[in-house]
C-alpha atoms as a PDB file:
ATOM      1  CA  UNK A   1      10.127 -34.245  14.425  1.00  0.00           C
ATOM      2  CA  UNK A   2       7.092 -32.045  13.854  1.00  0.00           C
ATOM      3  CA  UNK A   3       7.745 -28.320  13.581  1.00  0.00           C
ATOM      4  CA  UNK A   4       5.137 -26.023  15.092  1.00  0.00           C
ATOM      5  CA  UNK A   5       4.934 -23.118  12.646  1.00  0.00           C
ATOM      6  CA  UNK A   6       3.031 -20.108  13.936  1.00  0.00           C
ATOM      7  CA  UNK A   7       0.895 -18.477  11.241  1.00  0.00           C
ATOM      8  CA  UNK A   8       1.895 -14.978  12.403  1.00  0.00           C
ATOM      9  CA  UNK A   9       5.547 -15.890  11.923  1.00  0.00           C
ATOM     10  CA  UNK A  10       4.785 -17.174   8.436  1.00  0.00           C
ATOM     11  CA  UNK A  11       2.925 -13.975   7.510  1.00  0.00           C
ATOM     12  CA  UNK A  12       5.893 -11.908   8.663  1.00  0.00           C
ATOM     13  CA  UNK A  13       8.288 -14.224   6.806  1.00  0.00           C
ATOM     14  CA  UNK A  14       6.313 -13.718   3.573  1.00  0.00           C
ATOM     15  CA  UNK A  15       6.220  -9.949   4.034  1.00  0.00           C
ATOM     16  CA  UNK A  16      10.010  -9.830   4.420  1.00  0.00           C
ATOM     17  CA  UNK A  17      10.519 -12.221   1.508  1.00  0.00           C
ATOM     18  CA  UNK A  18       8.319 -10.113  -0.779  1.00  0.00           C
ATOM     19  CA  UNK A  19       9.733  -6.699   0.170  1.00  0.00           C
ATOM     20  CA  UNK A  20      13.346  -7.509   1.028  1.00  0.00           C
ATOM     21  CA  UNK A  21      13.072  -4.829   3.685  1.00  0.00           C
ATOM     22  CA  UNK A  22      12.235  -5.179   7.403  1.00  0.00           C
ATOM     23  CA  UNK A  23      10.664  -1.734   7.676  1.00  0.00           C
ATOM     24  CA  UNK A  24       8.384  -2.238   4.670  1.00  0.00           C
ATOM     25  CA  UNK A  25       7.489  -5.713   5.922  1.00  0.00           C
ATOM     26  CA  UNK A  26       6.531  -4.171   9.255  1.00  0.00           C
ATOM     27  CA  UNK A  27       4.151  -1.796   7.497  1.00  0.00           C
ATOM     28  CA  UNK A  28       2.425  -4.773   5.865  1.00  0.00           C
ATOM     29  CA  UNK A  29       1.993  -6.856   9.022  1.00  0.00           C
ATOM     30  CA  UNK A  30       1.480  -3.941  11.394  1.00  0.00           C
ATOM     31  CA  UNK A  31       4.658  -4.334  13.459  1.00  0.00           C
ATOM     32  CA  UNK A  32       7.779  -2.307  14.146  1.00  0.00           C
ATOM     33  CA  UNK A  33      11.053  -3.137  12.437  1.00  0.00           C
ATOM     34  CA  UNK A  34      12.466  -4.563  15.678  1.00  0.00           C
ATOM     35  CA  UNK A  35       9.379  -6.748  16.170  1.00  0.00           C
ATOM     36  CA  UNK A  36       9.717  -8.072  12.617  1.00  0.00           C
ATOM     37  CA  UNK A  37      13.383  -8.868  13.256  1.00  0.00           C
ATOM     38  CA  UNK A  38      12.463 -10.768  16.438  1.00  0.00           C
ATOM     39  CA  UNK A  39       9.768 -12.743  14.626  1.00  0.00           C
ATOM     40  CA  UNK A  40      12.200 -13.777  11.890  1.00  0.00           C
ATOM     41  CA  UNK A  41      14.675 -14.822  14.582  1.00  0.00           C
ATOM     42  CA  UNK A  42      11.966 -16.917  16.277  1.00  0.00           C
ATOM     43  CA  UNK A  43      11.074 -18.596  12.983  1.00  0.00           C
ATOM     44  CA  UNK A  44      14.736 -19.334  12.293  1.00  0.00           C
ATOM     45  CA  UNK A  45      14.988 -20.927  15.744  1.00  0.00           C
ATOM     46  CA  UNK A  46      11.958 -23.113  14.977  1.00  0.00           C
ATOM     47  CA  UNK A  47      13.290 -24.346  11.621  1.00  0.00           C
ATOM     48  CA  UNK A  48      16.857 -24.553  12.917  1.00  0.00           C
ATOM     49  CA  UNK A  49      18.418 -22.539  10.129  1.00  0.00           C
ATOM     50  CA  UNK A  50      18.916 -18.989   8.958  1.00  0.00           C
ATOM     51  CA  UNK A  51      16.475 -17.857   6.266  1.00  0.00           C
ATOM     52  CA  UNK A  52      17.803 -14.528   5.042  1.00  0.00           C
ATOM     53  CA  UNK A  53      21.090 -13.040   3.971  1.00  0.00           C
ATOM     54  CA  UNK A  54      21.545  -9.558   5.419  1.00  0.00           C
ATOM     55  CA  UNK A  55      23.060  -6.872   3.229  1.00  0.00           C
ATOM     56  CA  UNK A  56      23.477  -3.080   3.169  1.00  0.00           C
ATOM     57  CA  UNK A  57      20.365  -2.673   0.993  1.00  0.00           C
ATOM     58  CA  UNK A  58      18.059  -5.075   2.817  1.00  0.00           C
ATOM     59  CA  UNK A  59      17.669  -8.830   3.089  1.00  0.00           C
ATOM     60  CA  UNK A  60      17.290 -11.657   0.590  1.00  0.00           C
ATOM     61  CA  UNK A  61      16.185 -15.276   0.798  1.00  0.00           C
ATOM     62  CA  UNK A  62      18.874 -17.922   1.106  1.00  0.00           C
ATOM     63  CA  UNK A  63      18.684 -21.436  -0.326  1.00  0.00           C
ATOM     64  CA  UNK A  64      17.069 -22.820   2.829  1.00  0.00           C
ATOM     65  CA  UNK A  65      14.237 -20.298   2.722  1.00  0.00           C
ATOM     66  CA  UNK A  66      13.241 -20.572  -0.945  1.00  0.00           C
ATOM     67  CA  UNK A  67      11.205 -23.809  -0.586  1.00  0.00           C
ATOM     68  CA  UNK A  68       9.452 -22.391   2.473  1.00  0.00           C
ATOM     69  CA  UNK A  69       7.926 -19.493   0.511  1.00  0.00           C
ATOM     70  CA  UNK A  70       5.478 -21.605  -1.501  1.00  0.00           C
ATOM     71  CA  UNK A  71       4.483 -23.646   1.541  1.00  0.00           C
ATOM     72  CA  UNK A  72       3.987 -20.537   3.675  1.00  0.00           C
ATOM     73  CA  UNK A  73       1.792 -18.956   0.999  1.00  0.00           C
ATOM     74  CA  UNK A  74      -0.311 -22.097   0.822  1.00  0.00           C
ATOM     75  CA  UNK A  75      -0.742 -22.248   4.612  1.00  0.00           C
ATOM     76  CA  UNK A  76      -1.646 -18.568   4.921  1.00  0.00           C
ATOM     77  CA  UNK A  77      -4.072 -18.813   1.989  1.00  0.00           C
ATOM     78  CA  UNK A  78      -5.824 -21.810   3.563  1.00  0.00           C
ATOM     79  CA  UNK A  79      -6.117 -20.006   6.883  1.00  0.00           C
ATOM     80  CA  UNK A  80      -7.576 -16.940   5.168  1.00  0.00           C
ATOM     81  CA  UNK A  81     -10.094 -19.081   3.314  1.00  0.00           C
ATOM     82  CA  UNK A  82     -11.077 -20.841   6.538  1.00  0.00           C
ATOM     83  CA  UNK A  83     -11.560 -17.497   8.260  1.00  0.00           C
ATOM     84  CA  UNK A  84     -13.716 -16.193   5.428  1.00  0.00           C
ATOM     85  CA  UNK A  85     -15.843 -19.348   5.438  1.00  0.00           C
ATOM     86  CA  UNK A  86     -16.976 -18.531   8.967  1.00  0.00           C
ATOM     87  CA  UNK A  87     -18.242 -15.070   8.021  1.00  0.00           C
ATOM     88  CA  UNK A  88     -21.465 -16.071   6.304  1.00  0.00           C
ATOM     89  CA  UNK A  89     -22.870 -17.658   3.147  1.00  0.00           C
ATOM     90  CA  UNK A  90     -21.451 -17.119  -0.332  1.00  0.00           C
ATOM     91  CA  UNK A  91     -22.826 -14.158  -2.277  1.00  0.00           C
ATOM     92  CA  UNK A  92     -23.491 -13.516  -5.958  1.00  0.00           C
ATOM     93  CA  UNK A  93     -24.165 -10.636  -8.325  1.00  0.00           C
ATOM     94  CA  UNK A  94     -21.942  -7.823  -9.637  1.00  0.00           C
ATOM     95  CA  UNK A  95     -19.862  -5.297  -7.736  1.00  0.00           C
ATOM     96  CA  UNK A  96     -17.897  -2.495  -9.415  1.00  0.00           C
ATOM     97  CA  UNK A  97     -14.916  -0.855  -7.713  1.00  0.00           C
ATOM     98  CA  UNK A  98     -12.765   2.175  -8.466  1.00  0.00           C
ATOM     99  CA  UNK A  99      -9.208   2.035  -7.132  1.00  0.00           C
ATOM    100  CA  UNK A 100      -6.322   4.528  -7.389  1.00  0.00           C
ATOM    101  CA  UNK A 101      -3.193   3.197  -9.031  1.00  0.00           C
ATOM    102  CA  UNK A 102      -1.224   3.497  -5.788  1.00  0.00           C
ATOM    103  CA  UNK A 103      -3.169   0.629  -4.201  1.00  0.00           C
ATOM    104  CA  UNK A 104      -3.985  -1.484  -7.243  1.00  0.00           C
ATOM    105  CA  UNK A 105      -0.795  -3.543  -6.820  1.00  0.00           C
ATOM    106  CA  UNK A 106      -0.242  -3.333  -3.078  1.00  0.00           C
ATOM    107  CA  UNK A 107      -3.000  -3.339  -0.473  1.00  0.00           C
ATOM    108  CA  UNK A 108      -6.131  -4.292  -2.397  1.00  0.00           C
ATOM    109  CA  UNK A 109      -5.123  -7.392  -4.410  1.00  0.00           C
ATOM    110  CA  UNK A 110      -4.985  -9.395  -1.177  1.00  0.00           C
ATOM    111  CA  UNK A 111      -8.517  -8.322  -0.259  1.00  0.00           C
ATOM    112  CA  UNK A 112      -9.926  -8.885  -3.729  1.00  0.00           C
ATOM    113  CA  UNK A 113      -8.318 -12.308  -4.000  1.00  0.00           C
ATOM    114  CA  UNK A 114      -9.694 -13.463  -0.661  1.00  0.00           C
ATOM    115  CA  UNK A 115     -13.139 -12.071  -1.491  1.00  0.00           C
ATOM    116  CA  UNK A 116     -13.225 -13.868  -4.837  1.00  0.00           C
ATOM    117  CA  UNK A 117     -12.290 -17.187  -3.234  1.00  0.00           C
ATOM    118  CA  UNK A 118     -15.048 -16.805  -0.655  1.00  0.00           C
ATOM    119  CA  UNK A 119     -17.641 -15.555  -3.166  1.00  0.00           C
ATOM    120  CA  UNK A 120     -16.753 -17.119  -6.550  1.00  0.00           C
ATOM    121  CA  UNK A 121     -20.181 -16.271  -7.986  1.00  0.00           C
ATOM    122  CA  UNK A 122     -19.677 -12.522  -7.546  1.00  0.00           C
ATOM    123  CA  UNK A 123     -18.660 -10.687 -10.719  1.00  0.00           C
ATOM    124  CA  UNK A 124     -16.020  -8.189  -9.591  1.00  0.00           C
ATOM    125  CA  UNK A 125     -15.086  -5.338 -11.914  1.00  0.00           C
ATOM    126  CA  UNK A 126     -12.150  -3.113 -10.957  1.00  0.00           C
ATOM    127  CA  UNK A 127     -11.219   0.119 -12.694  1.00  0.00           C
ATOM    128  CA  UNK A 128      -7.932   1.885 -11.964  1.00  0.00           C
ATOM    129  CA  UNK A 129      -8.376   5.645 -12.041  1.00  0.00           C
ATOM    130  CA  UNK A 130      -7.405   8.738 -10.124  1.00  0.00           C
ATOM    131  CA  UNK A 131      -9.678   9.968  -7.344  1.00  0.00           C
ATOM    132  CA  UNK A 132     -11.448  12.692  -9.338  1.00  0.00           C
ATOM    133  CA  UNK A 133     -12.485  10.161 -11.990  1.00  0.00           C
ATOM    134  CA  UNK A 134     -13.687   7.670  -9.385  1.00  0.00           C
ATOM    135  CA  UNK A 135     -15.680  10.355  -7.572  1.00  0.00           C
ATOM    136  CA  UNK A 136     -17.483  11.226 -10.800  1.00  0.00           C
ATOM    137  CA  UNK A 137     -18.188   7.539 -11.436  1.00  0.00           C
ATOM    138  CA  UNK A 138     -19.652   7.180  -7.932  1.00  0.00           C
ATOM    139  CA  UNK A 139     -21.878  10.218  -8.460  1.00  0.00           C
ATOM    140  CA  UNK A 140     -23.184   8.863 -11.763  1.00  0.00           C
ATOM    141  CA  UNK A 141     -23.692   5.340 -10.429  1.00  0.00           C
ATOM    142  CA  UNK A 142     -21.152   3.864 -12.853  1.00  0.00           C
ATOM    143  CA  UNK A 143     -19.384   2.103  -9.959  1.00  0.00           C
ATOM    144  CA  UNK A 144     -20.519   0.918  -6.533  1.00  0.00           C
ATOM    145  CA  UNK A 145     -17.447   1.589  -4.383  1.00  0.00           C
ATOM    146  CA  UNK A 146     -14.378   3.780  -4.737  1.00  0.00           C
ATOM    147  CA  UNK A 147     -11.162   4.205  -2.791  1.00  0.00           C
ATOM    148  CA  UNK A 148     -10.154   7.860  -3.065  1.00  0.00           C
ATOM    149  CA  UNK A 149      -7.596  10.315  -1.779  1.00  0.00           C
ATOM    150  CA  UNK A 150      -8.825  13.514  -0.196  1.00  0.00           C
ATOM    151  CA  UNK A 151      -7.298  16.434   1.599  1.00  0.00           C
ATOM    152  CA  UNK A 152      -7.140  15.977   5.338  1.00  0.00           C
ATOM    153  CA  UNK A 153     -10.241  17.267   7.093  1.00  0.00           C
ATOM    154  CA  UNK A 154     -12.603  17.404   4.121  1.00  0.00           C
ATOM    155  CA  UNK A 155     -14.599  14.464   5.476  1.00  0.00           C
ATOM    156  CA  UNK A 156     -16.494  13.542   2.307  1.00  0.00           C
ATOM    157  CA  UNK A 157     -15.613   9.827   2.443  1.00  0.00           C
ATOM    158  CA  UNK A 158     -15.530   7.115   5.082  1.00  0.00           C
ATOM    159  CA  UNK A 159     -12.073   7.135   6.679  1.00  0.00           C
ATOM    160  CA  UNK A 160      -9.874   4.176   5.764  1.00  0.00           C
ATOM    161  CA  UNK A 161      -6.342   5.329   6.545  1.00  0.00           C
ATOM    162  CA  UNK A 162      -3.948   8.218   6.746  1.00  0.00           C
ATOM    163  CA  UNK A 163      -1.189   7.758   4.180  1.00  0.00           C
ATOM    164  CA  UNK A 164       0.976  10.896   4.058  1.00  0.00           C
ATOM    165  CA  UNK A 165       2.528  12.070   0.816  1.00  0.00           C
ATOM    166  CA  UNK A 166       6.315  12.307   1.185  1.00  0.00           C
ATOM    167  CA  UNK A 167       9.342  13.046  -0.941  1.00  0.00           C
ATOM    168  CA  UNK A 168      11.179   9.897  -2.058  1.00  0.00           C
ATOM    169  CA  UNK A 169      14.636   9.428  -3.527  1.00  0.00           C
ATOM    170  CA  UNK A 170      16.552   6.490  -4.996  1.00  0.00           C
ATOM    171  CA  UNK A 171      18.677   4.532  -2.521  1.00  0.00           C
ATOM    172  CA  UNK A 172      21.363   4.127  -5.202  1.00  0.00           C
ATOM    173  CA  UNK A 173      21.514   7.744  -6.334  1.00  0.00           C
ATOM    174  CA  UNK A 174      21.263  11.112  -4.618  1.00  0.00           C
ATOM    175  CA  UNK A 175      19.185  13.470  -6.780  1.00  0.00           C
ATOM    176  CA  UNK A 176      18.185  15.290  -3.579  1.00  0.00           C
ATOM    177  CA  UNK A 177      21.769  16.596  -3.346  1.00  0.00           C
ATOM    178  CA  UNK A 178      21.738  18.097  -6.848  1.00  0.00           C
ATOM    179  CA  UNK A 179      21.328  21.855  -7.414  1.00  0.00           C
ATOM    180  CA  UNK A 180      18.901  22.917  -8.659  1.00  0.00           C
ATOM    181  CA  UNK A 181      16.831  20.126  -7.178  1.00  0.00           C
ATOM    182  CA  UNK A 182      15.396  17.807  -9.891  1.00  0.00           C
ATOM    183  CA  UNK A 183      11.780  16.858  -9.176  1.00  0.00           C
ATOM    184  CA  UNK A 184       9.032  14.908 -10.887  1.00  0.00           C
ATOM    185  CA  UNK A 185       5.327  15.716 -10.758  1.00  0.00           C
ATOM    186  CA  UNK A 186       2.129  14.000 -11.826  1.00  0.00           C
ATOM    187  CA  UNK A 187       0.405  16.211 -14.374  1.00  0.00           C
ATOM    188  CA  UNK A 188      -2.970  14.438 -14.109  1.00  0.00           C
ATOM    189  CA  UNK A 189      -3.467  15.329 -10.427  1.00  0.00           C
ATOM    190  CA  UNK A 190      -3.797  19.066  -9.839  1.00  0.00           C
ATOM    191  CA  UNK A 191      -4.045  18.538  -6.084  1.00  0.00           C
ATOM    192  CA  UNK A 192      -0.881  16.410  -5.865  1.00  0.00           C
ATOM    193  CA  UNK A 193       1.069  18.740  -8.157  1.00  0.00           C
ATOM    194  CA  UNK A 194       0.025  21.854  -6.238  1.00  0.00           C
ATOM    195  CA  UNK A 195       0.836  20.300  -2.845  1.00  0.00           C
ATOM    196  CA  UNK A 196       4.240  19.121  -4.066  1.00  0.00           C
ATOM    197  CA  UNK A 197       5.194  22.509  -5.485  1.00  0.00           C
ATOM    198  CA  UNK A 198       3.969  24.293  -2.328  1.00  0.00           C
ATOM    199  CA  UNK A 199       6.232  22.021  -0.321  1.00  0.00           C
ATOM    200  CA  UNK A 200       9.204  22.887  -2.533  1.00  0.00           C
ATOM    201  CA  UNK A 201       8.464  26.602  -2.349  1.00  0.00           C
ATOM    202  CA  UNK A 202       8.521  26.299   1.433  1.00  0.00           C
ATOM    203  CA  UNK A 203      12.035  24.867   1.324  1.00  0.00           C
ATOM    204  CA  UNK A 204      13.381  28.018  -0.290  1.00  0.00           C
ATOM    205  CA  UNK A 205      15.595  25.877  -2.482  1.00  0.00           C
ATOM    206  CA  UNK A 206      15.879  26.224  -6.284  1.00  0.00           C
ATOM    207  CA  UNK A 207      14.327  23.323  -8.174  1.00  0.00           C
ATOM    208  CA  UNK A 208      13.417  22.330 -11.698  1.00  0.00           C
ATOM    209  CA  UNK A 209      10.777  19.976 -13.122  1.00  0.00           C
ATOM    210  CA  UNK A 210      12.972  17.191 -14.486  1.00  0.00           C
ATOM    211  CA  UNK A 211      10.194  14.730 -15.259  1.00  0.00           C
ATOM    212  CA  UNK A 212       6.462  15.057 -15.839  1.00  0.00           C
ATOM    213  CA  UNK A 213       4.368  11.904 -15.596  1.00  0.00           C
ATOM    214  CA  UNK A 214       0.735  11.163 -16.356  1.00  0.00           C
ATOM    215  CA  UNK A 215       0.456   8.348 -13.783  1.00  0.00           C
ATOM    216  CA  UNK A 216       1.750   7.413 -10.350  1.00  0.00           C
ATOM    217  CA  UNK A 217       3.766   4.570 -11.896  1.00  0.00           C
ATOM    218  CA  UNK A 218       5.625   7.130 -13.990  1.00  0.00           C
ATOM    219  CA  UNK A 219       6.368   9.205 -10.906  1.00  0.00           C
ATOM    220  CA  UNK A 220       7.592   6.083  -9.129  1.00  0.00           C
ATOM    221  CA  UNK A 221       9.838   5.125 -12.057  1.00  0.00           C
ATOM    222  CA  UNK A 222      11.475   8.540 -12.033  1.00  0.00           C
ATOM    223  CA  UNK A 223      12.275   8.198  -8.336  1.00  0.00           C
ATOM    224  CA  UNK A 224      13.556   4.610  -8.597  1.00  0.00           C
ATOM    225  CA  UNK A 225      15.843   5.472 -11.511  1.00  0.00           C
ATOM    226  CA  UNK A 226      17.439   8.368  -9.651  1.00  0.00           C
ATOM    227  CA  UNK A 227      16.278  10.856 -12.259  1.00  0.00           C
ATOM    228  CA  UNK A 228      14.523  13.057  -9.704  1.00  0.00           C
ATOM    229  CA  UNK A 229      12.934  13.081  -6.284  1.00  0.00           C
ATOM    230  CA  UNK A 230       9.227  12.307  -6.373  1.00  0.00           C
ATOM    231  CA  UNK A 231       6.088  12.837  -4.284  1.00  0.00           C
ATOM    232  CA  UNK A 232       4.710   9.421  -3.294  1.00  0.00           C
ATOM    233  CA  UNK A 233       2.303   8.129  -0.697  1.00  0.00           C
ATOM    234  CA  UNK A 234       4.374   6.613   2.078  1.00  0.00           C
ATOM    235  CA  UNK A 235       2.954   3.105   1.589  1.00  0.00           C
ATOM    236  CA  UNK A 236       3.800   3.327  -2.135  1.00  0.00           C
ATOM    237  CA  UNK A 237       7.531   4.012  -1.663  1.00  0.00           C
ATOM    238  CA  UNK A 238       9.317   0.961  -3.158  1.00  0.00           C
ATOM    239  CA  UNK A 239      12.286  -0.855  -1.650  1.00  0.00           C
ATOM    240  CA  UNK A 240      14.481   0.819  -4.288  1.00  0.00           C
ATOM    241  CA  UNK A 241      13.731   4.222  -2.750  1.00  0.00           C
ATOM    242  CA  UNK A 242      13.808   5.860   0.640  1.00  0.00           C
ATOM    243  CA  UNK A 243      11.713   8.551   2.262  1.00  0.00           C
ATOM    244  CA  UNK A 244      13.360  11.963   2.521  1.00  0.00           C
ATOM    245  CA  UNK A 245      12.529  13.186   6.016  1.00  0.00           C
ATOM    246  CA  UNK A 246      13.209  16.230   8.202  1.00  0.00           C
ATOM    247  CA  UNK A 247      16.763  15.001   8.754  1.00  0.00           C
ATOM    248  CA  UNK A 248      17.275  15.436   4.995  1.00  0.00           C
ATOM    249  CA  UNK A 249      15.571  18.816   5.008  1.00  0.00           C
ATOM    250  CA  UNK A 250      12.282  17.599   3.517  1.00  0.00           C
ATOM    251  CA  UNK A 251       8.988  17.838   5.433  1.00  0.00           C
ATOM    252  CA  UNK A 252       5.910  15.709   4.784  1.00  0.00           C
ATOM    253  CA  UNK A 253       4.123  17.118   1.727  1.00  0.00           C
ATOM    254  CA  UNK A 254       0.563  16.474   2.797  1.00  0.00           C
ATOM    255  CA  UNK A 255      -1.256  14.470   5.475  1.00  0.00           C
ATOM    256  CA  UNK A 256      -3.678  13.079   2.916  1.00  0.00           C
ATOM    257  CA  UNK A 257      -6.344  10.620   3.959  1.00  0.00           C
ATOM    258  CA  UNK A 258      -7.693   7.607   2.096  1.00  0.00           C
ATOM    259  CA  UNK A 259     -11.449   7.175   2.072  1.00  0.00           C
ATOM    260  CA  UNK A 260     -14.174   4.866   0.834  1.00  0.00           C
ATOM    261  CA  UNK A 261     -17.160   6.108  -1.169  1.00  0.00           C
ATOM    262  CA  UNK A 262     -20.339   4.167  -1.936  1.00  0.00           C
ATOM    263  CA  UNK A 263     -22.808   5.070  -4.638  1.00  0.00           C
ATOM    264  CA  UNK A 264     -26.219   6.088  -3.316  1.00  0.00           C
ATOM    265  CA  UNK A 265     -27.897   3.574  -5.610  1.00  0.00           C
ATOM    266  CA  UNK A 266     -25.685   0.620  -4.665  1.00  0.00           C
ATOM    267  CA  UNK A 267     -27.602  -1.612  -2.276  1.00  0.00           C
ATOM    268  CA  UNK A 268     -27.313  -5.189  -1.137  1.00  0.00           C
ATOM    269  CA  UNK A 269     -25.111  -7.508   0.864  1.00  0.00           C
ATOM    270  CA  UNK A 270     -22.643  -8.110  -1.982  1.00  0.00           C
ATOM    271  CA  UNK A 271     -21.580  -4.470  -2.088  1.00  0.00           C
ATOM    272  CA  UNK A 272     -21.564  -4.254   1.719  1.00  0.00           C
ATOM    273  CA  UNK A 273     -19.380  -7.355   1.978  1.00  0.00           C
ATOM    274  CA  UNK A 274     -16.904  -5.973  -0.565  1.00  0.00           C
ATOM    275  CA  UNK A 275     -16.786  -2.686   1.348  1.00  0.00           C
ATOM    276  CA  UNK A 276     -15.869  -4.616   4.497  1.00  0.00           C
ATOM    277  CA  UNK A 277     -13.179  -6.550   2.606  1.00  0.00           C
ATOM    278  CA  UNK A 278     -11.642  -3.238   1.535  1.00  0.00           C
ATOM    279  CA  UNK A 279     -11.758  -1.901   5.112  1.00  0.00           C
ATOM    280  CA  UNK A 280     -10.081  -5.087   6.353  1.00  0.00           C
ATOM    281  CA  UNK A 281      -7.320  -4.740   3.752  1.00  0.00           C
ATOM    282  CA  UNK A 282      -6.416  -1.301   5.069  1.00  0.00           C
ATOM    283  CA  UNK A 283      -6.643  -2.466   8.685  1.00  0.00           C
ATOM    284  CA  UNK A 284      -4.234  -5.311   7.916  1.00  0.00           C
ATOM    285  CA  UNK A 285      -1.877  -2.900   6.177  1.00  0.00           C
ATOM    286  CA  UNK A 286      -1.798  -0.938   9.446  1.00  0.00           C
ATOM    287  CA  UNK A 287      -1.211   2.451   7.880  1.00  0.00           C
ATOM    288  CA  UNK A 288      -2.627   3.773  11.142  1.00  0.00           C
ATOM    289  CA  UNK A 289      -4.604   2.194  14.005  1.00  0.00           C
ATOM    290  CA  UNK A 290      -8.366   2.064  13.581  1.00  0.00           C
ATOM    291  CA  UNK A 291     -10.058   5.410  14.280  1.00  0.00           C
ATOM    292  CA  UNK A 292     -12.853   5.814  16.797  1.00  0.00           C
ATOM    293  CA  UNK A 293     -15.225   6.740  13.968  1.00  0.00           C
ATOM    294  CA  UNK A 294     -15.325   7.694  10.315  1.00  0.00           C
ATOM    295  CA  UNK A 295     -14.689  11.159   8.971  1.00  0.00           C
END
């Protein structure tokens, strides 16, 4: 008997398999947690077997589902390649991109991988750096495109998404219940550090700097280990952590926006096509619906 596997169901299946969390999977595929749960149920009905083991800390693949992962990835990859092949001829030449660490392992690899398959002759160079460094590189012409964070309302970059900065805490530990409150800050981002400390001052609760990091990965590690609570972009909160919300007594730190910058001297279809690939990556991530225009 032939099984009719819907590609949307397979994409949702992969998102759940990779995150182990229905809510995080929903953020990837642009659906609510309940919609993700229904899609997994539909897929299980099609294959005639359960695919995940449910637990208090999320879900995990069972023995039936493990072989499906590789096949699903292959099917989705082929569909993506077919879609890209209909969007125009292959390009060549160099394109240089600046990406903040927060998105270098999450949203953008999918876009860069698909772009490289469609345009194998393009020489893609990616540099991971904080927004201030990437802005300077754009101004000097050292890179062609940059994904940057900026304070809400500044409007200096093309709008890509709104990805609020929130307080995150380990799901296995409770540093947010400790007095004084242990926190971690990123010392290389004055804006992030200032916004985080302003948020804490507004709580009126004693705190101490328990961990200082020089990168977002260091901040993330401190949160995941339970050493301290940490300011993270919402899309960057790992499955090992949870967002501390108003019900925990913690407001959103900052409604930061994510924007795209293009160097004034960067011309040509190759750069334009890469810019569109980046936009599509953020649309697929569904951090927020598409805006009416750019800011």
